[in-house]
Amino acid sequence: ETYGIPLDYNEDIWAICTRALAAKPGVYTHNSVRKDKFDVYPHP
């Protein structure tokens, strides 16, 4: 509501994804940009 960040869920957020690296607005995880991070996981 404040920044217009899209809330669409994409399955690719759990691994490195070029959308995140290219700064396409959306919801991502640390995994989206760093393969060495374990601080968020696909909890059902």
PDB file of all heavy atoms in Angstrom:
ATOM      1  N   GLU A   1       0.819  -1.209   0.000  1.00  0.00           N
ATOM      2  CA  GLU A   1       0.000   0.000   0.000  1.00  0.00           C
ATOM      3  C   GLU A   1       0.859   1.268   0.000  1.00  0.00           C
ATOM      4  O   GLU A   1       0.506   2.266  -0.618  1.00  0.00           O
ATOM      5  CB  GLU A   1      -0.930  -0.005   1.216  1.00  0.00           C
ATOM      6  CG  GLU A   1      -1.993  -1.087   1.139  1.00  0.00           C
ATOM      7  CD  GLU A   1      -2.753  -1.283   2.445  1.00  0.00           C
ATOM      8  OE1 GLU A   1      -2.378  -0.674   3.476  1.00  0.00           O
ATOM      9  OE2 GLU A   1      -3.723  -2.066   2.441  1.00  0.00           O
ATOM     10  N   THR A   2       1.995   1.241   0.686  1.00  0.00           N
ATOM     11  CA  THR A   2       2.854   2.416   0.834  1.00  0.00           C
ATOM     12  C   THR A   2       3.807   2.610  -0.334  1.00  0.00           C
ATOM     13  O   THR A   2       4.005   3.730  -0.803  1.00  0.00           O
ATOM     14  CB  THR A   2       3.653   2.329   2.154  1.00  0.00           C
ATOM     15  OG1 THR A   2       2.728   2.172   3.232  1.00  0.00           O
ATOM     16  CG2 THR A   2       4.492   3.574   2.372  1.00  0.00           C
ATOM     17  N   TYR A   3       4.418   1.513  -0.795  1.00  0.00           N
ATOM     18  CA  TYR A   3       5.456   1.602  -1.822  1.00  0.00           C
ATOM     19  C   TYR A   3       5.069   0.961  -3.151  1.00  0.00           C
ATOM     20  O   TYR A   3       5.852   0.988  -4.099  1.00  0.00           O
ATOM     21  CB  TYR A   3       6.757   0.954  -1.322  1.00  0.00           C
ATOM     22  CG  TYR A   3       7.264   1.582  -0.046  1.00  0.00           C
ATOM     23  CD1 TYR A   3       7.197   0.889   1.159  1.00  0.00           C
ATOM     24  CD2 TYR A   3       7.816   2.862  -0.036  1.00  0.00           C
ATOM     25  CE1 TYR A   3       7.665   1.453   2.333  1.00  0.00           C
ATOM     26  CE2 TYR A   3       8.285   3.434   1.132  1.00  0.00           C
ATOM     27  CZ  TYR A   3       8.203   2.727   2.317  1.00  0.00           C
ATOM     28  OH  TYR A   3       8.657   3.286   3.478  1.00  0.00           O
ATOM     29  N   GLY A   4       3.887   0.358  -3.205  1.00  0.00           N
ATOM     30  CA  GLY A   4       3.434  -0.269  -4.444  1.00  0.00           C
ATOM     31  C   GLY A   4       4.171  -1.559  -4.797  1.00  0.00           C
ATOM     32  O   GLY A   4       4.187  -1.969  -5.954  1.00  0.00           O
ATOM     33  N   ILE A   5       4.779  -2.196  -3.817  1.00  0.00           N
ATOM     34  CA  ILE A   5       5.498  -3.443  -4.079  1.00  0.00           C
ATOM     35  C   ILE A   5       4.489  -4.538  -4.433  1.00  0.00           C
ATOM     36  O   ILE A   5       3.593  -4.832  -3.649  1.00  0.00           O
ATOM     37  CB  ILE A   5       6.337  -3.861  -2.856  1.00  0.00           C
ATOM     38  CG1 ILE A   5       7.396  -2.794  -2.565  1.00  0.00           C
ATOM     39  CG2 ILE A   5       6.978  -5.232  -3.074  1.00  0.00           C
ATOM     40  CD1 ILE A   5       8.129  -2.985  -1.257  1.00  0.00           C
ATOM     41  N   PRO A   6       4.634  -5.149  -5.625  1.00  0.00           N
ATOM     42  CA  PRO A   6       3.709  -6.217  -6.017  1.00  0.00           C
ATOM     43  C   PRO A   6       3.816  -7.409  -5.063  1.00  0.00           C
ATOM     44  O   PRO A   6       4.905  -7.736  -4.581  1.00  0.00           O
ATOM     45  CB  PRO A   6       4.181  -6.615  -7.419  1.00  0.00           C
ATOM     46  CG  PRO A   6       5.037  -5.495  -7.892  1.00  0.00           C
ATOM     47  CD  PRO A   6       5.615  -4.857  -6.672  1.00  0.00           C
ATOM     48  N   LEU A   7       2.685  -8.059  -4.810  1.00  0.00           N
ATOM     49  CA  LEU A   7       2.645  -9.176  -3.871  1.00  0.00           C
ATOM     50  C   LEU A   7       2.452 -10.531  -4.549  1.00  0.00           C
ATOM     51  O   LEU A   7       2.134 -11.510  -3.881  1.00  0.00           O
ATOM     52  CB  LEU A   7       1.541  -8.941  -2.835  1.00  0.00           C
ATOM     53  CG  LEU A   7       1.699  -7.687  -1.975  1.00  0.00           C
ATOM     54  CD1 LEU A   7       0.526  -7.540  -1.019  1.00  0.00           C
ATOM     55  CD2 LEU A   7       3.022  -7.688  -1.227  1.00  0.00           C
ATOM     56  N   ASP A   8       2.640 -10.607  -5.852  1.00  0.00           N
ATOM     57  CA  ASP A   8       2.486 -11.879  -6.553  1.00  0.00           C
ATOM     58  C   ASP A   8       3.498 -12.893  -6.030  1.00  0.00           C
ATOM     59  O   ASP A   8       4.679 -12.580  -5.882  1.00  0.00           O
ATOM     60  CB  ASP A   8       2.706 -11.701  -8.058  1.00  0.00           C
ATOM     61  CG  ASP A   8       1.688 -10.750  -8.665  1.00  0.00           C
ATOM     62  OD1 ASP A   8       0.490 -10.909  -8.363  1.00  0.00           O
ATOM     63  OD2 ASP A   8       2.103  -9.856  -9.417  1.00  0.00           O
ATOM     64  N   TYR A   9       3.024 -14.113  -5.756  1.00  0.00           N
ATOM     65  CA  TYR A   9       3.927 -15.169  -5.305  1.00  0.00           C
ATOM     66  C   TYR A   9       4.549 -15.856  -6.517  1.00  0.00           C
ATOM     67  O   TYR A   9       3.861 -16.227  -7.454  1.00  0.00           O
ATOM     68  CB  TYR A   9       3.190 -16.212  -4.460  1.00  0.00           C
ATOM     69  CG  TYR A   9       4.093 -17.356  -4.061  1.00  0.00           C
ATOM     70  CD1 TYR A   9       5.078 -17.170  -3.101  1.00  0.00           C
ATOM     71  CD2 TYR A   9       3.985 -18.592  -4.660  1.00  0.00           C
ATOM     72  CE1 TYR A   9       5.930 -18.192  -2.739  1.00  0.00           C
ATOM     73  CE2 TYR A   9       4.830 -19.636  -4.302  1.00  0.00           C
ATOM     74  CZ  TYR A   9       5.800 -19.430  -3.342  1.00  0.00           C
ATOM     75  OH  TYR A   9       6.648 -20.449  -2.994  1.00  0.00           O
ATOM     76  N   ASN A  10       5.859 -16.021  -6.475  1.00  0.00           N
ATOM     77  CA  ASN A  10       6.595 -16.725  -7.526  1.00  0.00           C
ATOM     78  C   ASN A  10       7.438 -17.812  -6.882  1.00  0.00           C
ATOM     79  O   ASN A  10       8.188 -17.543  -5.933  1.00  0.00           O
ATOM     80  CB  ASN A  10       7.504 -15.756  -8.298  1.00  0.00           C
ATOM     81  CG  ASN A  10       6.693 -14.742  -9.076  1.00  0.00           C
ATOM     82  OD1 ASN A  10       6.113 -15.061 -10.090  1.00  0.00           O
ATOM     83  ND2 ASN A  10       6.653 -13.515  -8.587  1.00  0.00           N
ATOM     84  N   GLU A  11       7.329 -19.030  -7.398  1.00  0.00           N
ATOM     85  CA  GLU A  11       8.061 -20.181  -6.860  1.00  0.00           C
ATOM     86  C   GLU A  11       9.573 -19.997  -6.902  1.00  0.00           C
ATOM     87  O   GLU A  11      10.291 -20.624  -6.133  1.00  0.00           O
ATOM     88  CB  GLU A  11       7.689 -21.454  -7.632  1.00  0.00           C
ATOM     89  CG  GLU A  11       6.240 -21.874  -7.494  1.00  0.00           C
ATOM     90  CD  GLU A  11       5.932 -22.578  -6.183  1.00  0.00           C
ATOM     91  OE1 GLU A  11       6.874 -23.108  -5.544  1.00  0.00           O
ATOM     92  OE2 GLU A  11       4.749 -22.588  -5.796  1.00  0.00           O
ATOM     93  N   ASP A  12      10.073 -19.150  -7.796  1.00  0.00           N
ATOM     94  CA  ASP A  12      11.517 -19.025  -7.982  1.00  0.00           C
ATOM     95  C   ASP A  12      12.226 -18.212  -6.898  1.00  0.00           C
ATOM     96  O   ASP A  12      13.443 -18.068  -6.928  1.00  0.00           O
ATOM     97  CB  ASP A  12      11.841 -18.448  -9.362  1.00  0.00           C
ATOM     98  CG  ASP A  12      11.351 -17.020  -9.563  1.00  0.00           C
ATOM     99  OD1 ASP A  12      10.636 -16.483  -8.695  1.00  0.00           O
ATOM    100  OD2 ASP A  12      11.682 -16.441 -10.617  1.00  0.00           O
ATOM    101  N   ILE A  13      11.510 -17.735  -5.903  1.00  0.00           N
ATOM    102  CA  ILE A  13      12.136 -16.900  -4.871  1.00  0.00           C
ATOM    103  C   ILE A  13      13.010 -17.691  -3.898  1.00  0.00           C
ATOM    104  O   ILE A  13      13.714 -17.111  -3.090  1.00  0.00           O
ATOM    105  CB  ILE A  13      11.102 -16.073  -4.079  1.00  0.00           C
ATOM    106  CG1 ILE A  13      10.181 -16.975  -3.258  1.00  0.00           C
ATOM    107  CG2 ILE A  13      10.330 -15.154  -5.008  1.00  0.00           C
ATOM    108  CD1 ILE A  13       9.257 -16.225  -2.305  1.00  0.00           C
ATOM    109  N   TRP A  14      12.987 -19.012  -3.990  1.00  0.00           N
ATOM    110  CA  TRP A  14      13.738 -19.849  -3.060  1.00  0.00           C
ATOM    111  C   TRP A  14      15.134 -20.184  -3.577  1.00  0.00           C
ATOM    112  O   TRP A  14      15.883 -20.934  -2.947  1.00  0.00           O
ATOM    113  CB  TRP A  14      12.937 -21.113  -2.733  1.00  0.00           C
ATOM    114  CG  TRP A  14      11.596 -20.735  -2.193  1.00  0.00           C
ATOM    115  CD1 TRP A  14      10.389 -20.811  -2.848  1.00  0.00           C
ATOM    116  CD2 TRP A  14      11.308 -20.144  -0.925  1.00  0.00           C
ATOM    117  NE1 TRP A  14       9.386 -20.318  -2.054  1.00  0.00           N
ATOM    118  CE2 TRP A  14       9.914 -19.913  -0.861  1.00  0.00           C
ATOM    119  CE3 TRP A  14      12.092 -19.802   0.172  1.00  0.00           C
ATOM    120  CZ2 TRP A  14       9.297 -19.345   0.253  1.00  0.00           C
ATOM    121  CZ3 TRP A  14      11.473 -19.249   1.283  1.00  0.00           C
ATOM    122  CH2 TRP A  14      10.094 -19.019   1.311  1.00  0.00           C
ATOM    123  N   ALA A  15      15.488 -19.648  -4.740  1.00  0.00           N
ATOM    124  CA  ALA A  15      16.828 -19.832  -5.317  1.00  0.00           C
ATOM    125  C   ALA A  15      17.189 -18.533  -6.024  1.00  0.00           C
ATOM    126  O   ALA A  15      16.343 -17.648  -6.204  1.00  0.00           O
ATOM    127  CB  ALA A  15      16.819 -20.996  -6.303  1.00  0.00           C
ATOM    128  N   ILE A  16      18.453 -18.416  -6.433  1.00  0.00           N
ATOM    129  CA  ILE A  16      18.883 -17.213  -7.148  1.00  0.00           C
ATOM    130  C   ILE A  16      17.948 -16.984  -8.336  1.00  0.00           C
ATOM    131  O   ILE A  16      17.685 -17.894  -9.111  1.00  0.00           O
ATOM    132  CB  ILE A  16      20.324 -17.363  -7.670  1.00  0.00           C
ATOM    133  CG1 ILE A  16      21.301 -17.603  -6.523  1.00  0.00           C
ATOM    134  CG2 ILE A  16      20.724 -16.148  -8.503  1.00  0.00           C
ATOM    135  CD1 ILE A  16      21.682 -16.393  -5.731  1.00  0.00           C
ATOM    136  N   CYS A  17      17.412 -15.782  -8.422  1.00  0.00           N
ATOM    137  CA  CYS A  17      16.543 -15.480  -9.562  1.00  0.00           C
ATOM    138  C   CYS A  17      16.938 -14.131 -10.164  1.00  0.00           C
ATOM    139  O   CYS A  17      17.206 -13.167  -9.444  1.00  0.00           O
ATOM    140  CB  CYS A  17      15.074 -15.575  -9.195  1.00  0.00           C
ATOM    141  SG  CYS A  17      14.296 -14.216  -8.384  1.00  0.00           S
ATOM    142  N   THR A  18      16.973 -14.114 -11.479  1.00  0.00           N
ATOM    143  CA  THR A  18      17.431 -12.911 -12.176  1.00  0.00           C
ATOM    144  C   THR A  18      16.471 -11.748 -11.986  1.00  0.00           C
ATOM    145  O   THR A  18      16.901 -10.600 -12.019  1.00  0.00           O
ATOM    146  CB  THR A  18      17.654 -13.187 -13.670  1.00  0.00           C
ATOM    147  OG1 THR A  18      16.461 -13.718 -14.246  1.00  0.00           O
ATOM    148  CG2 THR A  18      18.798 -14.166 -13.889  1.00  0.00           C
ATOM    149  N   ARG A  19      15.194 -12.012 -11.762  1.00  0.00           N
ATOM    150  CA  ARG A  19      14.249 -10.914 -11.509  1.00  0.00           C
ATOM    151  C   ARG A  19      14.670 -10.125 -10.279  1.00  0.00           C
ATOM    152  O   ARG A  19      14.628  -8.902 -10.266  1.00  0.00           O
ATOM    153  CB  ARG A  19      12.816 -11.447 -11.317  1.00  0.00           C
ATOM    154  CG  ARG A  19      12.168 -11.972 -12.562  1.00  0.00           C
ATOM    155  CD  ARG A  19      10.733 -12.480 -12.364  1.00  0.00           C
ATOM    156  NE  ARG A  19      10.603 -13.431 -11.253  1.00  0.00           N
ATOM    157  CZ  ARG A  19      10.132 -13.135 -10.044  1.00  0.00           C
ATOM    158  NH1 ARG A  19       9.700 -11.930  -9.762  1.00  0.00           N
ATOM    159  NH2 ARG A  19      10.064 -14.056  -9.102  1.00  0.00           N
ATOM    160  N   ALA A  20      15.080 -10.840  -9.232  1.00  0.00           N
ATOM    161  CA  ALA A  20      15.517 -10.168  -8.002  1.00  0.00           C
ATOM    162  C   ALA A  20      16.803  -9.385  -8.250  1.00  0.00           C
ATOM    163  O   ALA A  20      16.923  -8.231  -7.834  1.00  0.00           O
ATOM    164  CB  ALA A  20      15.718 -11.187  -6.887  1.00  0.00           C
ATOM    165  N   LEU A  21      17.763 -10.009  -8.927  1.00  0.00           N
ATOM    166  CA  LEU A  21      19.036  -9.332  -9.205  1.00  0.00           C
ATOM    167  C   LEU A  21      18.836  -8.112 -10.098  1.00  0.00           C
ATOM    168  O   LEU A  21      19.555  -7.117  -9.971  1.00  0.00           O
ATOM    169  CB  LEU A  21      20.024 -10.304  -9.855  1.00  0.00           C
ATOM    170  CG  LEU A  21      20.543 -11.423  -8.950  1.00  0.00           C
ATOM    171  CD1 LEU A  21      21.370 -12.409  -9.759  1.00  0.00           C
ATOM    172  CD2 LEU A  21      21.344 -10.859  -7.783  1.00  0.00           C
ATOM    173  N   ALA A  22      17.854  -8.184 -10.992  1.00  0.00           N
ATOM    174  CA  ALA A  22      17.568  -7.062 -11.890  1.00  0.00           C
ATOM    175  C   ALA A  22      16.691  -5.999 -11.228  1.00  0.00           C
ATOM    176  O   ALA A  22      16.315  -5.022 -11.854  1.00  0.00           O
ATOM    177  CB  ALA A  22      16.906  -7.578 -13.165  1.00  0.00           C
ATOM    178  N   ALA A  23      16.379  -6.193  -9.957  1.00  0.00           N
ATOM    179  CA  ALA A  23      15.590  -5.240  -9.164  1.00  0.00           C
ATOM    180  C   ALA A  23      14.166  -5.074  -9.666  1.00  0.00           C
ATOM    181  O   ALA A  23      13.570  -4.008  -9.511  1.00  0.00           O
ATOM    182  CB  ALA A  23      16.297  -3.891  -9.072  1.00  0.00           C
ATOM    183  N   LYS A  24      13.587  -6.148 -10.209  1.00  0.00           N
ATOM    184  CA  LYS A  24      12.176  -6.083 -10.577  1.00  0.00           C
ATOM    185  C   LYS A  24      11.374  -6.069  -9.276  1.00  0.00           C
ATOM    186  O   LYS A  24      11.573  -6.919  -8.408  1.00  0.00           O
ATOM    187  CB  LYS A  24      11.784  -7.281 -11.439  1.00  0.00           C
ATOM    188  CG  LYS A  24      10.346  -7.227 -11.868  1.00  0.00           C
ATOM    189  CD  LYS A  24       9.969  -8.335 -12.818  1.00  0.00           C
ATOM    190  CE  LYS A  24       8.499  -8.182 -13.174  1.00  0.00           C
ATOM    191  NZ  LYS A  24       7.995  -9.306 -13.933  1.00  0.00           N
ATOM    192  N   PRO A  25      10.487  -5.104  -9.095  1.00  0.00           N
ATOM    193  CA  PRO A  25       9.733  -5.018  -7.841  1.00  0.00           C
ATOM    194  C   PRO A  25       8.986  -6.314  -7.528  1.00  0.00           C
ATOM    195  O   PRO A  25       8.425  -6.954  -8.412  1.00  0.00           O
ATOM    196  CB  PRO A  25       8.749  -3.869  -8.094  1.00  0.00           C
ATOM    197  CG  PRO A  25       9.419  -3.029  -9.126  1.00  0.00           C
ATOM    198  CD  PRO A  25      10.144  -4.010 -10.020  1.00  0.00           C
ATOM    199  N   GLY A  26       9.009  -6.704  -6.259  1.00  0.00           N
ATOM    200  CA  GLY A  26       8.312  -7.906  -5.824  1.00  0.00           C
ATOM    201  C   GLY A  26       8.806  -8.360  -4.470  1.00  0.00           C
ATOM    202  O   GLY A  26       9.637  -7.717  -3.833  1.00  0.00           O
ATOM    203  N   VAL A  27       8.277  -9.506  -4.049  1.00  0.00           N
ATOM    204  CA  VAL A  27       8.651 -10.120  -2.779  1.00  0.00           C
ATOM    205  C   VAL A  27       9.657 -11.222  -3.077  1.00  0.00           C
ATOM    206  O   VAL A  27       9.390 -12.109  -3.890  1.00  0.00           O
ATOM    207  CB  VAL A  27       7.414 -10.691  -2.055  1.00  0.00           C
ATOM    208  CG1 VAL A  27       7.816 -11.426  -0.788  1.00  0.00           C
ATOM    209  CG2 VAL A  27       6.421  -9.575  -1.737  1.00  0.00           C
ATOM    210  N   TYR A  28      10.796 -11.160  -2.413  1.00  0.00           N
ATOM    211  CA  TYR A  28      11.861 -12.130  -2.613  1.00  0.00           C
ATOM    212  C   TYR A  28      12.369 -12.612  -1.258  1.00  0.00           C
ATOM    213  O   TYR A  28      11.986 -12.072  -0.218  1.00  0.00           O
ATOM    214  CB  TYR A  28      13.025 -11.490  -3.390  1.00  0.00           C
ATOM    215  CG  TYR A  28      12.624 -11.007  -4.758  1.00  0.00           C
ATOM    216  CD1 TYR A  28      12.327  -9.668  -4.981  1.00  0.00           C
ATOM    217  CD2 TYR A  28      12.524 -11.895  -5.821  1.00  0.00           C
ATOM    218  CE1 TYR A  28      11.940  -9.218  -6.239  1.00  0.00           C
ATOM    219  CE2 TYR A  28      12.147 -11.456  -7.086  1.00  0.00           C
ATOM    220  CZ  TYR A  28      11.859 -10.116  -7.281  1.00  0.00           C
ATOM    221  OH  TYR A  28      11.472  -9.681  -8.522  1.00  0.00           O
ATOM    222  N   THR A  29      13.248 -13.600  -1.284  1.00  0.00           N
ATOM    223  CA  THR A  29      13.903 -14.063  -0.062  1.00  0.00           C
ATOM    224  C   THR A  29      15.399 -13.830  -0.198  1.00  0.00           C
ATOM    225  O   THR A  29      15.891 -13.517  -1.285  1.00  0.00           O
ATOM    226  CB  THR A  29      13.656 -15.567   0.175  1.00  0.00           C
ATOM    227  OG1 THR A  29      14.378 -16.318  -0.799  1.00  0.00           O
ATOM    228  CG2 THR A  29      12.166 -15.909   0.117  1.00  0.00           C
ATOM    229  N   HIS A  30      16.107 -14.007   0.881  1.00  0.00           N
ATOM    230  CA  HIS A  30      17.564 -13.908   0.833  1.00  0.00           C
ATOM    231  C   HIS A  30      18.121 -14.901  -0.190  1.00  0.00           C
ATOM    232  O   HIS A  30      19.126 -14.654  -0.838  1.00  0.00           O
ATOM    233  CB  HIS A  30      18.135 -14.199   2.217  1.00  0.00           C
ATOM    234  CG  HIS A  30      19.243 -13.296   2.629  1.00  0.00           C
ATOM    235  ND1 HIS A  30      19.723 -13.283   3.904  1.00  0.00           N
ATOM    236  CD2 HIS A  30      19.977 -12.379   1.953  1.00  0.00           C
ATOM    237  CE1 HIS A  30      20.701 -12.401   4.001  1.00  0.00           C
ATOM    238  NE2 HIS A  30      20.873 -11.839   2.833  1.00  0.00           N
ATOM    239  N   ASN A  31      17.438 -16.053  -0.331  1.00  0.00           N
ATOM    240  CA  ASN A  31      17.841 -17.084  -1.290  1.00  0.00           C
ATOM    241  C   ASN A  31      17.759 -16.583  -2.731  1.00  0.00           C
ATOM    242  O   ASN A  31      18.423 -17.134  -3.604  1.00  0.00           O
ATOM    243  CB  ASN A  31      16.942 -18.317  -1.158  1.00  0.00           C
ATOM    244  CG  ASN A  31      16.947 -18.878   0.231  1.00  0.00           C
ATOM    245  OD1 ASN A  31      17.919 -19.458   0.676  1.00  0.00           O
ATOM    246  ND2 ASN A  31      15.848 -18.691   0.947  1.00  0.00           N
ATOM    247  N   SER A  32      16.947 -15.578  -2.982  1.00  0.00           N
ATOM    248  CA  SER A  32      16.760 -15.048  -4.335  1.00  0.00           C
ATOM    249  C   SER A  32      18.022 -14.389  -4.871  1.00  0.00           C
ATOM    250  O   SER A  32      18.176 -14.240  -6.083  1.00  0.00           O
ATOM    251  CB  SER A  32      15.620 -14.023  -4.365  1.00  0.00           C
ATOM    252  OG  SER A  32      14.412 -14.573  -3.901  1.00  0.00           O
ATOM    253  N   VAL A  33      18.910 -13.982  -3.958  1.00  0.00           N
ATOM    254  CA  VAL A  33      20.134 -13.292  -4.378  1.00  0.00           C
ATOM    255  C   VAL A  33      21.414 -13.893  -3.809  1.00  0.00           C
ATOM    256  O   VAL A  33      22.498 -13.531  -4.244  1.00  0.00           O
ATOM    257  CB  VAL A  33      20.071 -11.780  -4.036  1.00  0.00           C
ATOM    258  CG1 VAL A  33      18.965 -11.085  -4.831  1.00  0.00           C
ATOM    259  CG2 VAL A  33      19.887 -11.554  -2.551  1.00  0.00           C
ATOM    260  N   ARG A  34      21.282 -14.809  -2.829  1.00  0.00           N
ATOM    261  CA  ARG A  34      22.472 -15.399  -2.204  1.00  0.00           C
ATOM    262  C   ARG A  34      22.262 -16.895  -1.994  1.00  0.00           C
ATOM    263  O   ARG A  34      21.384 -17.291  -1.232  1.00  0.00           O
ATOM    264  CB  ARG A  34      22.735 -14.754  -0.846  1.00  0.00           C
ATOM    265  CG  ARG A  34      22.973 -13.269  -0.873  1.00  0.00           C
ATOM    266  CD  ARG A  34      24.340 -12.793  -0.554  1.00  0.00           C
ATOM    267  NE  ARG A  34      25.144 -13.542   0.359  1.00  0.00           N
ATOM    268  CZ  ARG A  34      25.705 -13.022   1.453  1.00  0.00           C
ATOM    269  NH1 ARG A  34      25.483 -11.763   1.795  1.00  0.00           N
ATOM    270  NH2 ARG A  34      26.493 -13.755   2.197  1.00  0.00           N
ATOM    271  N   LYS A  35      23.080 -17.695  -2.647  1.00  0.00           N
ATOM    272  CA  LYS A  35      22.947 -19.150  -2.492  1.00  0.00           C
ATOM    273  C   LYS A  35      23.518 -19.646  -1.172  1.00  0.00           C
ATOM    274  O   LYS A  35      23.225 -20.764  -0.744  1.00  0.00           O
ATOM    275  CB  LYS A  35      23.591 -19.883  -3.665  1.00  0.00           C
ATOM    276  CG  LYS A  35      25.078 -19.733  -3.771  1.00  0.00           C
ATOM    277  CD  LYS A  35      25.621 -20.476  -4.971  1.00  0.00           C
ATOM    278  CE  LYS A  35      27.125 -20.286  -5.077  1.00  0.00           C
ATOM    279  NZ  LYS A  35      27.678 -20.988  -6.216  1.00  0.00           N
ATOM    280  N   ASP A  36      24.296 -18.825  -0.483  1.00  0.00           N
ATOM    281  CA  ASP A  36      24.929 -19.225   0.770  1.00  0.00           C
ATOM    282  C   ASP A  36      24.088 -18.925   2.004  1.00  0.00           C
ATOM    283  O   ASP A  36      24.515 -19.188   3.124  1.00  0.00           O
ATOM    284  CB  ASP A  36      26.290 -18.541   0.910  1.00  0.00           C
ATOM    285  CG  ASP A  36      26.182 -17.023   0.974  1.00  0.00           C
ATOM    286  OD1 ASP A  36      25.313 -16.449   0.280  1.00  0.00           O
ATOM    287  OD2 ASP A  36      26.976 -16.399   1.698  1.00  0.00           O
ATOM    288  N   LYS A  37      22.889 -18.411   1.840  1.00  0.00           N
ATOM    289  CA  LYS A  37      22.061 -18.050   2.986  1.00  0.00           C
ATOM    290  C   LYS A  37      21.028 -19.136   3.295  1.00  0.00           C
ATOM    291  O   LYS A  37      20.481 -19.761   2.404  1.00  0.00           O
ATOM    292  CB  LYS A  37      21.351 -16.712   2.741  1.00  0.00           C
ATOM    293  CG  LYS A  37      22.301 -15.528   2.729  1.00  0.00           C
ATOM    294  CD  LYS A  37      22.967 -15.369   4.082  1.00  0.00           C
ATOM    295  CE  LYS A  37      23.802 -14.120   4.152  1.00  0.00           C
ATOM    296  NZ  LYS A  37      24.342 -13.894   5.477  1.00  0.00           N
ATOM    297  N   PHE A  38      20.769 -19.312   4.613  1.00  0.00           N
ATOM    298  CA  PHE A  38      19.824 -20.322   5.089  1.00  0.00           C
ATOM    299  C   PHE A  38      18.789 -19.696   6.026  1.00  0.00           C
ATOM    300  O   PHE A  38      18.153 -20.396   6.784  1.00  0.00           O
ATOM    301  CB  PHE A  38      20.579 -21.410   5.870  1.00  0.00           C
ATOM    302  CG  PHE A  38      21.434 -22.299   5.025  1.00  0.00           C
ATOM    303  CD1 PHE A  38      22.666 -21.873   4.546  1.00  0.00           C
ATOM    304  CD2 PHE A  38      21.007 -23.576   4.714  1.00  0.00           C
ATOM    305  CE1 PHE A  38      23.462 -22.702   3.783  1.00  0.00           C
ATOM    306  CE2 PHE A  38      21.793 -24.424   3.950  1.00  0.00           C
ATOM    307  CZ  PHE A  38      23.019 -23.987   3.483  1.00  0.00           C
ATOM    308  N   ASP A  39      18.662 -18.372   6.008  1.00  0.00           N
ATOM    309  CA  ASP A  39      17.855 -17.699   7.027  1.00  0.00           C
ATOM    310  C   ASP A  39      16.364 -17.635   6.727  1.00  0.00           C
ATOM    311  O   ASP A  39      15.605 -17.128   7.534  1.00  0.00           O
ATOM    312  CB  ASP A  39      18.404 -16.303   7.308  1.00  0.00           C
ATOM    313  CG  ASP A  39      18.448 -15.410   6.081  1.00  0.00           C
ATOM    314  OD1 ASP A  39      18.259 -15.910   4.966  1.00  0.00           O
ATOM    315  OD2 ASP A  39      18.684 -14.211   6.248  1.00  0.00           O
ATOM    316  N   VAL A  40      15.948 -18.137   5.608  1.00  0.00           N
ATOM    317  CA  VAL A  40      14.517 -18.253   5.329  1.00  0.00           C
ATOM    318  C   VAL A  40      14.352 -19.491   4.474  1.00  0.00           C
ATOM    319  O   VAL A  40      15.211 -19.819   3.666  1.00  0.00           O
ATOM    320  CB  VAL A  40      13.944 -16.975   4.650  1.00  0.00           C
ATOM    321  CG1 VAL A  40      14.508 -16.771   3.271  1.00  0.00           C
ATOM    322  CG2 VAL A  40      12.433 -16.996   4.629  1.00  0.00           C
ATOM    323  N   TYR A  41      13.273 -20.214   4.709  1.00  0.00           N
ATOM    324  CA  TYR A  41      13.060 -21.464   3.974  1.00  0.00           C
ATOM    325  C   TYR A  41      11.593 -21.578   3.583  1.00  0.00           C
ATOM    326  O   TYR A  41      10.729 -20.876   4.114  1.00  0.00           O
ATOM    327  CB  TYR A  41      13.511 -22.667   4.822  1.00  0.00           C
ATOM    328  CG  TYR A  41      12.607 -22.961   6.003  1.00  0.00           C
ATOM    329  CD1 TYR A  41      11.617 -23.932   5.908  1.00  0.00           C
ATOM    330  CD2 TYR A  41      12.733 -22.270   7.198  1.00  0.00           C
ATOM    331  CE1 TYR A  41      10.785 -24.205   6.982  1.00  0.00           C
ATOM    332  CE2 TYR A  41      11.912 -22.531   8.273  1.00  0.00           C
ATOM    333  CZ  TYR A  41      10.942 -23.510   8.167  1.00  0.00           C
ATOM    334  OH  TYR A  41      10.112 -23.770   9.222  1.00  0.00           O
ATOM    335  N   PRO A  42      11.280 -22.481   2.650  1.00  0.00           N
ATOM    336  CA  PRO A  42       9.900 -22.607   2.161  1.00  0.00           C
ATOM    337  C   PRO A  42       8.980 -23.348   3.141  1.00  0.00           C
ATOM    338  O   PRO A  42       8.520 -24.460   2.902  1.00  0.00           O
ATOM    339  CB  PRO A  42      10.058 -23.362   0.837  1.00  0.00           C
ATOM    340  CG  PRO A  42      11.325 -24.126   0.979  1.00  0.00           C
ATOM    341  CD  PRO A  42      12.214 -23.296   1.862  1.00  0.00           C
ATOM    342  N   HIS A  43       8.713 -22.708   4.249  1.00  0.00           N
ATOM    343  CA  HIS A  43       7.794 -23.233   5.265  1.00  0.00           C
ATOM    344  C   HIS A  43       6.394 -23.261   4.644  1.00  0.00           C
ATOM    345  O   HIS A  43       5.945 -22.254   4.071  1.00  0.00           O
ATOM    346  CB  HIS A  43       7.844 -22.296   6.476  1.00  0.00           C
ATOM    347  CG  HIS A  43       7.019 -22.711   7.629  1.00  0.00           C
ATOM    348  ND1 HIS A  43       5.654 -22.560   7.670  1.00  0.00           N
ATOM    349  CD2 HIS A  43       7.369 -23.265   8.817  1.00  0.00           C
ATOM    350  CE1 HIS A  43       5.193 -22.998   8.818  1.00  0.00           C
ATOM    351  NE2 HIS A  43       6.227 -23.431   9.540  1.00  0.00           N
ATOM    352  N   PRO A  44       5.692 -24.385   4.725  1.00  0.00           N
ATOM    353  CA  PRO A  44       4.371 -24.498   4.071  1.00  0.00           C
ATOM    354  C   PRO A  44       3.392 -23.384   4.443  1.00  0.00           C
ATOM    355  O   PRO A  44       2.692 -22.855   3.573  1.00  0.00           O
ATOM    356  CB  PRO A  44       3.860 -25.865   4.521  1.00  0.00           C
ATOM    357  CG  PRO A  44       5.111 -26.647   4.791  1.00  0.00           C
ATOM    358  CD  PRO A  44       6.095 -25.652   5.350  1.00  0.00           C
TER     359      PRO A  44
END
